[in-house]
């Protein structure tokens, strides 16, 4: 899944098994959105809400745009409304952020603008996602091949990792021990002499 910001974090929490590739937001994306606000609104205080404030040197942004901007970091949707209300109480009239912030502001009837990600960042993230999918596919093929090899032998066979954890076992191994041994530590199922 290729996502950005809080939406990406929410997807990861709901679907931890899904591989996530983040779309990078840049300070240039933030500056472009602030310029849009400057054009569309007359001398307003802006509440800039980001899930990662490291991309945004606020003093430089204020100097470059000559705008009154308050910056807040929000890591999840649960804290978002509280931050918006806090910024509103500090005089912010327009909010700037991603999809999640804009959806909330629309529901609260508060003015908001979206930070749009540049096309190159989207292309780069999609290429990264395709590469990750290819690697995952190769790994699944290897695992499937290993399991096939294990299952066609007439012997009890299992594979362990460096921690002596059984990572794969054939059907005969599971029948021999009387339970599924995958994930068990070798020391827990076999007693070794001194």
N, C-alpha and C. Protein backbone atom coordinates (compact mmCIF):
# COMPACT_ATOMS: atom_id res chain seq x y z
N UNK A 1 0.85 -1.16 0.00
CA UNK A 1 0.00 0.00 0.00
C UNK A 1 0.90 1.23 0.00
N UNK A 2 0.62 2.17 -0.86
CA UNK A 2 1.36 3.43 -0.93
C UNK A 2 0.49 4.51 -0.32
N UNK A 3 0.94 5.09 0.81
CA UNK A 3 0.13 6.06 1.56
C UNK A 3 1.02 7.16 2.13
N UNK A 4 0.36 8.14 2.76
CA UNK A 4 1.08 9.26 3.33
C UNK A 4 0.53 9.62 4.69
N UNK A 5 1.39 10.04 5.60
CA UNK A 5 1.00 10.64 6.87
C UNK A 5 0.20 9.76 7.81
N UNK A 6 -0.79 10.37 8.46
CA UNK A 6 -1.61 9.67 9.45
C UNK A 6 -2.40 8.54 8.83
N UNK A 7 -2.79 8.69 7.58
CA UNK A 7 -3.52 7.63 6.89
C UNK A 7 -2.65 6.38 6.84
N UNK A 8 -1.37 6.56 6.53
CA UNK A 8 -0.44 5.43 6.49
C UNK A 8 -0.28 4.76 7.84
N UNK A 9 -0.19 5.57 8.88
CA UNK A 9 -0.05 5.00 10.23
C UNK A 9 -1.31 4.23 10.61
N UNK A 10 -2.48 4.75 10.25
CA UNK A 10 -3.74 4.07 10.54
C UNK A 10 -3.83 2.75 9.79
N UNK A 11 -3.42 2.74 8.53
CA UNK A 11 -3.43 1.50 7.74
C UNK A 11 -2.53 0.46 8.40
N UNK A 12 -1.35 0.88 8.86
CA UNK A 12 -0.42 -0.05 9.51
C UNK A 12 -0.99 -0.64 10.79
N UNK A 13 -1.73 0.19 11.53
CA UNK A 13 -2.33 -0.31 12.77
C UNK A 13 -3.46 -1.29 12.48
N UNK A 14 -4.26 -0.98 11.47
CA UNK A 14 -5.38 -1.86 11.14
C UNK A 14 -4.94 -3.14 10.43
N UNK A 15 -3.91 -3.03 9.59
CA UNK A 15 -3.45 -4.16 8.78
C UNK A 15 -1.94 -4.31 8.91
N UNK A 16 -1.45 -4.79 10.06
CA UNK A 16 0.00 -4.88 10.27
C UNK A 16 0.71 -5.83 9.29
N UNK A 17 -0.05 -6.74 8.68
CA UNK A 17 0.56 -7.69 7.75
C UNK A 17 0.77 -7.09 6.36
N UNK A 18 0.21 -5.92 6.12
CA UNK A 18 0.32 -5.28 4.81
C UNK A 18 1.60 -4.44 4.76
N UNK A 19 2.34 -4.59 3.68
CA UNK A 19 3.55 -3.80 3.49
C UNK A 19 3.15 -2.38 3.10
N UNK A 20 3.72 -1.41 3.81
CA UNK A 20 3.37 -0.01 3.59
C UNK A 20 4.59 0.75 3.07
N UNK A 21 4.37 1.53 2.03
CA UNK A 21 5.41 2.42 1.52
C UNK A 21 4.86 3.84 1.67
N UNK A 22 5.62 4.68 2.38
CA UNK A 22 5.17 6.05 2.61
C UNK A 22 5.51 6.96 1.44
N UNK A 23 4.60 7.85 1.12
CA UNK A 23 4.86 8.91 0.16
C UNK A 23 5.49 10.04 0.95
N UNK A 24 6.67 10.43 0.54
CA UNK A 24 7.39 11.47 1.27
C UNK A 24 6.80 12.85 0.97
N UNK A 25 6.57 13.60 2.04
CA UNK A 25 6.13 14.98 1.90
C UNK A 25 7.38 15.84 2.11
N UNK A 26 7.53 16.88 1.33
CA UNK A 26 8.72 17.73 1.45
C UNK A 26 8.35 19.12 1.94
N UNK A 27 9.36 19.86 2.35
CA UNK A 27 9.11 21.25 2.76
C UNK A 27 8.64 22.07 1.56
N UNK A 28 9.05 21.68 0.36
CA UNK A 28 8.56 22.37 -0.85
C UNK A 28 7.05 22.19 -1.00
N UNK A 29 6.55 21.00 -0.67
CA UNK A 29 5.09 20.76 -0.71
C UNK A 29 4.37 21.69 0.27
N UNK A 30 4.96 21.84 1.46
CA UNK A 30 4.37 22.71 2.49
C UNK A 30 4.40 24.16 2.02
N UNK A 31 5.54 24.59 1.47
CA UNK A 31 5.65 25.97 0.99
C UNK A 31 4.64 26.28 -0.11
N UNK A 32 4.47 25.36 -1.04
CA UNK A 32 3.48 25.56 -2.12
C UNK A 32 2.08 25.74 -1.55
N UNK A 33 1.73 24.94 -0.56
CA UNK A 33 0.40 25.04 0.05
C UNK A 33 0.25 26.36 0.81
N UNK A 34 1.31 26.80 1.47
CA UNK A 34 1.25 28.08 2.18
C UNK A 34 1.10 29.25 1.21
N UNK A 35 1.77 29.17 0.07
CA UNK A 35 1.63 30.21 -0.96
C UNK A 35 0.18 30.26 -1.45
N UNK A 36 -0.44 29.12 -1.61
CA UNK A 36 -1.85 29.06 -2.02
C UNK A 36 -2.74 29.75 -0.98
N UNK A 37 -2.47 29.48 0.30
CA UNK A 37 -3.24 30.12 1.37
C UNK A 37 -3.03 31.63 1.34
N UNK A 38 -1.79 32.04 1.14
CA UNK A 38 -1.48 33.47 1.10
C UNK A 38 -2.24 34.16 -0.03
N UNK A 39 -2.38 33.47 -1.18
CA UNK A 39 -3.11 34.04 -2.31
C UNK A 39 -4.62 34.08 -2.06
N UNK A 40 -5.15 33.03 -1.43
CA UNK A 40 -6.60 32.88 -1.29
C UNK A 40 -7.19 33.54 -0.04
N UNK A 41 -6.38 33.79 0.97
CA UNK A 41 -6.87 34.38 2.21
C UNK A 41 -6.04 35.62 2.52
N UNK A 42 -6.64 36.56 3.13
CA UNK A 42 -5.96 37.82 3.41
C UNK A 42 -5.43 37.84 4.83
N UNK A 43 -4.11 37.77 4.98
CA UNK A 43 -3.44 37.95 6.26
C UNK A 43 -4.05 37.12 7.40
N UNK A 44 -4.02 35.79 7.26
CA UNK A 44 -4.60 34.91 8.27
C UNK A 44 -3.50 34.17 9.04
N UNK A 45 -3.86 33.76 10.24
CA UNK A 45 -2.97 32.93 11.04
C UNK A 45 -3.25 31.48 10.65
N UNK A 46 -2.19 30.74 10.35
CA UNK A 46 -2.33 29.37 9.82
C UNK A 46 -1.90 28.35 10.86
N UNK A 47 -2.71 27.32 11.02
CA UNK A 47 -2.36 26.17 11.85
C UNK A 47 -1.85 25.07 10.95
N UNK A 48 -0.57 24.82 11.00
CA UNK A 48 0.07 23.78 10.18
C UNK A 48 0.19 22.52 11.02
N UNK A 49 -0.47 21.45 10.59
CA UNK A 49 -0.50 20.21 11.35
C UNK A 49 0.09 19.09 10.51
N UNK A 50 1.18 18.50 11.02
CA UNK A 50 1.88 17.44 10.29
C UNK A 50 2.11 16.23 11.19
N UNK A 51 2.24 15.07 10.57
CA UNK A 51 2.57 13.88 11.35
C UNK A 51 4.08 13.79 11.57
N UNK A 52 4.86 14.54 10.78
CA UNK A 52 6.31 14.57 10.93
C UNK A 52 6.78 16.01 10.71
N UNK A 53 7.17 16.68 11.79
CA UNK A 53 7.55 18.09 11.67
C UNK A 53 9.01 18.27 11.27
N UNK A 54 9.76 17.19 11.16
CA UNK A 54 11.18 17.30 10.81
C UNK A 54 11.39 17.87 9.41
N UNK A 55 10.39 17.76 8.54
CA UNK A 55 10.52 18.28 7.18
C UNK A 55 10.29 19.78 7.11
N UNK A 56 9.89 20.36 8.23
CA UNK A 56 9.37 21.73 8.19
C UNK A 56 10.10 22.65 9.16
N UNK A 57 11.18 23.31 8.73
CA UNK A 57 11.84 24.29 9.61
C UNK A 57 10.97 25.54 9.72
N UNK A 58 10.19 25.62 10.79
CA UNK A 58 9.13 26.62 10.91
C UNK A 58 9.65 28.05 10.83
N UNK A 59 10.80 28.34 11.41
CA UNK A 59 11.31 29.71 11.35
C UNK A 59 11.63 30.11 9.92
N UNK A 60 12.21 29.21 9.16
CA UNK A 60 12.52 29.49 7.76
C UNK A 60 11.24 29.67 6.96
N UNK A 61 10.25 28.86 7.24
CA UNK A 61 8.97 28.96 6.53
C UNK A 61 8.30 30.29 6.82
N UNK A 62 8.31 30.71 8.08
CA UNK A 62 7.71 32.00 8.44
C UNK A 62 8.43 33.14 7.73
N UNK A 63 9.75 33.05 7.70
CA UNK A 63 10.53 34.11 7.05
C UNK A 63 10.30 34.14 5.54
N UNK A 64 10.27 32.97 4.92
CA UNK A 64 10.08 32.90 3.47
C UNK A 64 8.68 33.36 3.04
N UNK A 65 7.68 33.00 3.83
CA UNK A 65 6.30 33.32 3.44
C UNK A 65 5.79 34.62 4.03
N UNK A 66 6.48 35.09 5.09
CA UNK A 66 6.03 36.28 5.81
C UNK A 66 4.60 36.09 6.32
N UNK A 67 4.35 34.87 6.83
CA UNK A 67 3.02 34.52 7.35
C UNK A 67 3.13 34.12 8.81
N UNK A 68 2.03 34.28 9.53
CA UNK A 68 1.94 33.85 10.92
C UNK A 68 1.50 32.38 10.92
N UNK A 69 2.43 31.48 11.21
CA UNK A 69 2.16 30.04 11.13
C UNK A 69 2.50 29.38 12.46
N UNK A 70 1.58 28.60 12.98
CA UNK A 70 1.83 27.78 14.17
C UNK A 70 1.91 26.33 13.73
N UNK A 71 2.95 25.64 14.15
CA UNK A 71 3.19 24.26 13.74
C UNK A 71 2.93 23.31 14.89
N UNK A 72 2.22 22.22 14.60
CA UNK A 72 1.99 21.17 15.59
C UNK A 72 2.19 19.81 14.92
N UNK A 73 2.68 18.89 15.73
CA UNK A 73 2.84 17.51 15.25
C UNK A 73 1.76 16.65 15.89
N UNK A 74 1.12 15.84 15.06
CA UNK A 74 0.10 14.91 15.53
C UNK A 74 0.42 13.55 14.95
N UNK A 75 0.52 12.55 15.79
CA UNK A 75 0.92 11.22 15.31
C UNK A 75 -0.26 10.31 14.98
N UNK A 76 -1.45 10.63 15.52
CA UNK A 76 -2.61 9.79 15.21
C UNK A 76 -3.89 10.61 15.21
N UNK A 77 -4.93 10.03 14.65
CA UNK A 77 -6.21 10.72 14.50
C UNK A 77 -6.85 11.07 15.83
N UNK A 78 -6.60 10.27 16.86
CA UNK A 78 -7.24 10.50 18.15
C UNK A 78 -6.89 11.87 18.73
N UNK A 79 -5.65 12.30 18.53
CA UNK A 79 -5.19 13.57 19.09
C UNK A 79 -5.50 14.76 18.19
N UNK A 80 -5.90 14.50 16.97
CA UNK A 80 -6.03 15.56 15.97
C UNK A 80 -7.04 16.64 16.34
N UNK A 81 -8.23 16.26 16.74
CA UNK A 81 -9.25 17.27 17.04
C UNK A 81 -8.82 18.17 18.19
N UNK A 82 -8.18 17.60 19.20
CA UNK A 82 -7.68 18.41 20.32
C UNK A 82 -6.66 19.44 19.87
N UNK A 83 -5.77 19.04 18.95
CA UNK A 83 -4.75 19.96 18.43
C UNK A 83 -5.40 21.07 17.61
N UNK A 84 -6.38 20.70 16.79
CA UNK A 84 -7.09 21.70 15.98
C UNK A 84 -7.80 22.70 16.90
N UNK A 85 -8.46 22.21 17.92
CA UNK A 85 -9.16 23.10 18.86
C UNK A 85 -8.16 24.02 19.57
N UNK A 86 -7.00 23.47 19.95
CA UNK A 86 -5.96 24.26 20.62
C UNK A 86 -5.46 25.37 19.69
N UNK A 87 -5.18 25.02 18.44
CA UNK A 87 -4.70 26.02 17.47
C UNK A 87 -5.79 27.06 17.18
N UNK A 88 -7.02 26.62 17.15
CA UNK A 88 -8.14 27.54 16.93
C UNK A 88 -8.21 28.55 18.09
N UNK A 89 -8.00 28.06 19.32
CA UNK A 89 -8.03 28.96 20.49
C UNK A 89 -6.84 29.93 20.48
N UNK A 90 -5.78 29.58 19.76
CA UNK A 90 -4.61 30.47 19.63
C UNK A 90 -4.74 31.40 18.42
N UNK A 91 -5.93 31.41 17.81
CA UNK A 91 -6.20 32.37 16.75
C UNK A 91 -6.02 31.88 15.32
N UNK A 92 -5.76 30.61 15.12
CA UNK A 92 -5.61 30.10 13.75
C UNK A 92 -6.97 30.11 13.05
N UNK A 93 -6.95 30.62 11.82
CA UNK A 93 -8.19 30.75 11.06
C UNK A 93 -8.27 29.75 9.90
N UNK A 94 -7.11 29.34 9.42
CA UNK A 94 -7.03 28.37 8.33
C UNK A 94 -6.05 27.29 8.75
N UNK A 95 -6.38 26.04 8.42
CA UNK A 95 -5.53 24.91 8.78
C UNK A 95 -4.93 24.29 7.54
N UNK A 96 -3.72 23.80 7.69
CA UNK A 96 -3.00 23.20 6.58
C UNK A 96 -2.47 21.85 7.01
N UNK A 97 -2.76 20.83 6.20
CA UNK A 97 -2.28 19.48 6.52
C UNK A 97 -2.71 18.51 5.44
N UNK A 98 -2.78 17.27 5.82
CA UNK A 98 -3.12 16.21 4.88
C UNK A 98 -4.61 15.91 4.85
N UNK A 99 -4.92 14.78 4.25
CA UNK A 99 -6.31 14.35 4.04
C UNK A 99 -7.08 14.24 5.36
N UNK A 100 -6.46 13.64 6.37
CA UNK A 100 -7.13 13.42 7.64
C UNK A 100 -7.52 14.74 8.29
N UNK A 101 -6.61 15.71 8.29
CA UNK A 101 -6.90 17.03 8.85
C UNK A 101 -8.02 17.71 8.07
N UNK A 102 -7.95 17.64 6.76
CA UNK A 102 -8.98 18.30 5.94
C UNK A 102 -10.35 17.70 6.14
N UNK A 103 -10.41 16.39 6.28
CA UNK A 103 -11.69 15.72 6.53
C UNK A 103 -12.27 16.18 7.87
N UNK A 104 -11.42 16.28 8.90
CA UNK A 104 -11.87 16.74 10.21
C UNK A 104 -12.35 18.20 10.14
N UNK A 105 -11.56 19.06 9.50
CA UNK A 105 -11.93 20.47 9.40
C UNK A 105 -13.24 20.66 8.65
N UNK A 106 -13.47 19.86 7.63
CA UNK A 106 -14.73 19.94 6.89
C UNK A 106 -15.89 19.59 7.83
N UNK A 107 -15.71 18.54 8.63
CA UNK A 107 -16.75 18.13 9.57
C UNK A 107 -17.00 19.21 10.62
N UNK A 108 -15.94 19.93 11.04
CA UNK A 108 -16.06 20.97 12.06
C UNK A 108 -16.38 22.35 11.47
N UNK A 109 -16.52 22.40 10.14
CA UNK A 109 -16.80 23.65 9.43
C UNK A 109 -15.71 24.70 9.66
N UNK A 110 -14.45 24.25 9.54
CA UNK A 110 -13.28 25.11 9.70
C UNK A 110 -12.55 25.15 8.36
N UNK A 111 -12.03 26.30 8.00
CA UNK A 111 -11.31 26.46 6.74
C UNK A 111 -10.01 25.64 6.77
N UNK A 112 -9.76 24.93 5.67
CA UNK A 112 -8.54 24.12 5.60
C UNK A 112 -8.09 23.97 4.15
N UNK A 113 -6.81 23.78 4.00
CA UNK A 113 -6.21 23.51 2.68
C UNK A 113 -5.35 22.26 2.80
N UNK A 114 -5.21 21.58 1.68
CA UNK A 114 -4.42 20.34 1.65
C UNK A 114 -3.00 20.60 1.18
N UNK A 115 -2.09 19.84 1.74
CA UNK A 115 -0.72 19.82 1.24
C UNK A 115 -0.68 18.72 0.20
N UNK A 116 -0.39 19.11 -1.03
CA UNK A 116 -0.33 18.14 -2.12
C UNK A 116 1.11 17.67 -2.28
N UNK A 117 1.27 16.39 -2.50
CA UNK A 117 2.60 15.82 -2.70
C UNK A 117 2.99 15.93 -4.16
N UNK A 118 4.25 16.25 -4.38
CA UNK A 118 4.76 16.37 -5.75
C UNK A 118 4.71 15.05 -6.50
N UNK A 119 4.57 15.13 -7.82
CA UNK A 119 4.46 13.93 -8.66
C UNK A 119 5.70 13.04 -8.57
N UNK A 120 6.88 13.66 -8.45
CA UNK A 120 8.11 12.86 -8.39
C UNK A 120 8.15 12.00 -7.12
N UNK A 121 7.68 12.55 -6.00
CA UNK A 121 7.63 11.78 -4.75
C UNK A 121 6.67 10.61 -4.88
N UNK A 122 5.55 10.84 -5.56
CA UNK A 122 4.57 9.76 -5.76
C UNK A 122 5.17 8.69 -6.67
N UNK A 123 5.81 9.11 -7.77
CA UNK A 123 6.46 8.13 -8.67
C UNK A 123 7.50 7.31 -7.94
N UNK A 124 8.31 7.98 -7.13
CA UNK A 124 9.38 7.30 -6.37
C UNK A 124 8.78 6.28 -5.39
N UNK A 125 7.70 6.67 -4.71
CA UNK A 125 7.06 5.77 -3.75
C UNK A 125 6.43 4.56 -4.44
N UNK A 126 5.83 4.78 -5.60
CA UNK A 126 5.23 3.67 -6.34
C UNK A 126 6.33 2.72 -6.82
N UNK A 127 7.44 3.26 -7.30
CA UNK A 127 8.57 2.41 -7.72
C UNK A 127 9.10 1.60 -6.54
N UNK A 128 9.20 2.24 -5.37
CA UNK A 128 9.64 1.55 -4.16
C UNK A 128 8.67 0.43 -3.78
N UNK A 129 7.36 0.70 -3.90
CA UNK A 129 6.35 -0.30 -3.58
C UNK A 129 6.43 -1.48 -4.54
N UNK A 130 6.62 -1.20 -5.82
CA UNK A 130 6.75 -2.28 -6.81
C UNK A 130 7.98 -3.13 -6.52
N UNK A 131 9.08 -2.50 -6.14
CA UNK A 131 10.29 -3.24 -5.79
C UNK A 131 10.05 -4.10 -4.54
N UNK A 132 9.38 -3.54 -3.55
CA UNK A 132 9.07 -4.31 -2.33
C UNK A 132 8.17 -5.50 -2.65
N UNK A 133 7.19 -5.29 -3.53
CA UNK A 133 6.29 -6.38 -3.93
C UNK A 133 7.07 -7.48 -4.64
N UNK A 134 8.00 -7.10 -5.48
CA UNK A 134 8.82 -8.08 -6.20
C UNK A 134 9.67 -8.90 -5.23
N UNK A 135 10.28 -8.24 -4.26
CA UNK A 135 11.10 -8.93 -3.25
C UNK A 135 10.22 -9.88 -2.43
N UNK A 136 9.05 -9.40 -2.02
CA UNK A 136 8.12 -10.24 -1.26
C UNK A 136 7.70 -11.46 -2.06
N UNK A 137 7.42 -11.27 -3.34
CA UNK A 137 7.01 -12.37 -4.21
C UNK A 137 8.13 -13.41 -4.32
N UNK A 138 9.37 -12.94 -4.50
CA UNK A 138 10.52 -13.88 -4.56
C UNK A 138 10.65 -14.65 -3.26
N UNK A 139 10.48 -13.97 -2.13
CA UNK A 139 10.60 -14.62 -0.83
C UNK A 139 9.50 -15.67 -0.64
N UNK A 140 8.30 -15.34 -1.04
CA UNK A 140 7.20 -16.31 -0.94
C UNK A 140 7.47 -17.53 -1.82
N UNK A 141 8.03 -17.30 -2.98
CA UNK A 141 8.38 -18.41 -3.88
C UNK A 141 9.43 -19.31 -3.23
N UNK A 142 10.44 -18.69 -2.60
CA UNK A 142 11.49 -19.48 -1.92
C UNK A 142 10.90 -20.32 -0.78
N UNK A 143 10.02 -19.69 0.00
CA UNK A 143 9.38 -20.39 1.12
C UNK A 143 8.55 -21.56 0.60
N UNK A 144 7.80 -21.32 -0.45
CA UNK A 144 6.97 -22.36 -1.05
C UNK A 144 7.84 -23.51 -1.58
N UNK A 145 8.94 -23.17 -2.22
CA UNK A 145 9.86 -24.18 -2.74
C UNK A 145 10.46 -25.00 -1.61
N UNK A 146 10.89 -24.33 -0.54
CA UNK A 146 11.44 -25.03 0.62
C UNK A 146 10.40 -25.99 1.20
N UNK A 147 9.17 -25.54 1.35
CA UNK A 147 8.12 -26.39 1.90
C UNK A 147 7.86 -27.59 0.99
N UNK A 148 7.87 -27.40 -0.33
CA UNK A 148 7.68 -28.49 -1.28
C UNK A 148 8.78 -29.53 -1.15
N UNK A 149 10.02 -29.05 -1.06
CA UNK A 149 11.17 -29.97 -0.89
C UNK A 149 11.03 -30.75 0.41
N UNK A 150 10.66 -30.07 1.47
CA UNK A 150 10.49 -30.75 2.76
C UNK A 150 9.40 -31.82 2.69
N UNK A 151 8.32 -31.52 2.00
CA UNK A 151 7.16 -32.41 1.99
C UNK A 151 7.32 -33.63 1.08
N UNK A 152 8.22 -33.60 0.11
CA UNK A 152 8.35 -34.74 -0.81
C UNK A 152 9.33 -35.80 -0.32
N UNK A 153 10.07 -35.53 0.74
CA UNK A 153 11.02 -36.52 1.25
C UNK A 153 10.30 -37.53 2.15
N UNK A 154 10.90 -38.71 2.27
CA UNK A 154 10.34 -39.77 3.12
C UNK A 154 10.93 -39.75 4.52
N UNK A 155 11.65 -38.68 4.84
CA UNK A 155 12.30 -38.56 6.14
C UNK A 155 11.70 -37.41 6.95
N UNK A 156 11.95 -37.46 8.26
CA UNK A 156 11.57 -36.35 9.12
C UNK A 156 12.58 -35.24 8.87
N UNK A 157 12.09 -34.08 8.39
CA UNK A 157 13.00 -32.98 8.06
C UNK A 157 12.39 -31.67 8.56
N UNK A 158 13.28 -30.84 9.15
CA UNK A 158 12.85 -29.50 9.52
C UNK A 158 14.03 -28.56 9.38
N UNK A 159 13.73 -27.28 9.23
CA UNK A 159 14.76 -26.24 9.07
C UNK A 159 14.71 -25.33 10.29
N UNK A 160 15.91 -24.96 10.77
CA UNK A 160 16.00 -24.05 11.92
C UNK A 160 16.78 -22.80 11.54
N UNK A 161 16.56 -21.73 12.29
CA UNK A 161 17.35 -20.52 12.08
C UNK A 161 18.51 -20.48 13.08
N UNK A 162 19.25 -19.39 13.11
CA UNK A 162 20.42 -19.28 14.00
C UNK A 162 20.06 -19.28 15.48
N UNK A 163 18.80 -19.04 15.80
CA UNK A 163 18.34 -19.05 17.19
C UNK A 163 17.78 -20.42 17.59
N UNK A 164 17.94 -21.39 16.69
CA UNK A 164 17.46 -22.76 16.87
C UNK A 164 15.94 -22.85 16.89
N UNK A 165 15.29 -21.86 16.29
CA UNK A 165 13.83 -21.88 16.15
C UNK A 165 13.50 -22.60 14.85
N UNK A 166 12.54 -23.51 14.91
CA UNK A 166 12.14 -24.26 13.73
C UNK A 166 11.29 -23.34 12.85
N UNK A 167 11.79 -23.08 11.64
CA UNK A 167 11.09 -22.16 10.75
C UNK A 167 10.23 -22.88 9.72
N UNK A 168 10.54 -24.14 9.45
CA UNK A 168 9.75 -24.97 8.53
C UNK A 168 9.90 -26.42 8.97
N UNK A 169 8.84 -27.19 8.80
CA UNK A 169 8.88 -28.62 9.11
C UNK A 169 7.99 -29.35 8.12
N UNK A 170 8.40 -30.57 7.77
CA UNK A 170 7.53 -31.32 6.86
C UNK A 170 6.45 -32.05 7.66
N UNK A 171 5.53 -32.62 6.93
CA UNK A 171 4.39 -33.31 7.54
C UNK A 171 4.86 -34.45 8.43
N UNK A 172 5.86 -35.20 7.97
CA UNK A 172 6.36 -36.33 8.78
C UNK A 172 6.96 -35.87 10.10
N UNK A 173 7.63 -34.70 10.11
CA UNK A 173 8.20 -34.18 11.35
C UNK A 173 7.09 -33.85 12.34
N UNK A 174 6.04 -33.20 11.85
CA UNK A 174 4.92 -32.87 12.74
C UNK A 174 4.23 -34.14 13.25
N UNK A 175 4.11 -35.15 12.39
CA UNK A 175 3.50 -36.42 12.82
C UNK A 175 4.40 -37.13 13.83
N UNK A 176 5.70 -37.10 13.61
CA UNK A 176 6.66 -37.75 14.50
C UNK A 176 6.57 -37.18 15.92
N UNK A 177 6.53 -35.84 16.02
CA UNK A 177 6.47 -35.20 17.33
C UNK A 177 5.06 -35.12 17.89
N UNK A 178 4.06 -35.31 17.03
CA UNK A 178 2.68 -35.31 17.48
C UNK A 178 2.03 -33.93 17.54
N UNK A 179 2.71 -32.93 17.05
CA UNK A 179 2.16 -31.57 17.01
C UNK A 179 2.94 -30.76 15.99
N UNK A 180 2.41 -29.58 15.66
CA UNK A 180 3.10 -28.70 14.72
C UNK A 180 4.30 -28.08 15.42
N UNK A 181 5.50 -28.40 14.94
CA UNK A 181 6.72 -27.93 15.60
C UNK A 181 7.22 -26.58 15.06
N UNK A 182 6.58 -26.08 14.02
CA UNK A 182 7.00 -24.80 13.46
C UNK A 182 6.85 -23.70 14.51
N UNK A 183 7.91 -22.90 14.67
CA UNK A 183 7.91 -21.82 15.64
C UNK A 183 8.45 -22.23 17.01
N UNK A 184 8.62 -23.53 17.24
CA UNK A 184 9.14 -24.01 18.52
C UNK A 184 10.68 -23.96 18.49
N UNK A 185 11.27 -23.85 19.67
CA UNK A 185 12.73 -23.90 19.77
C UNK A 185 13.15 -25.35 19.82
N UNK A 186 14.20 -25.67 19.08
CA UNK A 186 14.69 -27.05 18.99
C UNK A 186 14.99 -27.61 20.38
N UNK A 187 15.54 -26.79 21.28
CA UNK A 187 15.87 -27.24 22.64
C UNK A 187 14.64 -27.64 23.45
N UNK A 188 13.47 -27.12 23.05
CA UNK A 188 12.24 -27.43 23.78
C UNK A 188 11.62 -28.75 23.35
N UNK A 189 12.00 -29.27 22.18
CA UNK A 189 11.37 -30.51 21.71
C UNK A 189 12.35 -31.69 21.63
N UNK A 190 13.64 -31.39 21.64
CA UNK A 190 14.64 -32.45 21.62
C UNK A 190 15.62 -32.24 22.77
N UNK A 191 15.87 -33.30 23.54
CA UNK A 191 16.82 -33.23 24.63
C UNK A 191 18.17 -33.68 24.11
N UNK A 192 19.17 -32.82 24.28
CA UNK A 192 20.52 -33.14 23.85
C UNK A 192 21.35 -33.52 25.06
N UNK A 193 22.18 -34.55 24.91
CA UNK A 193 23.06 -34.97 26.00
C UNK A 193 24.27 -34.05 26.08
N UNK A 194 24.97 -34.14 27.21
CA UNK A 194 26.18 -33.30 27.39
C UNK A 194 27.23 -33.77 26.50
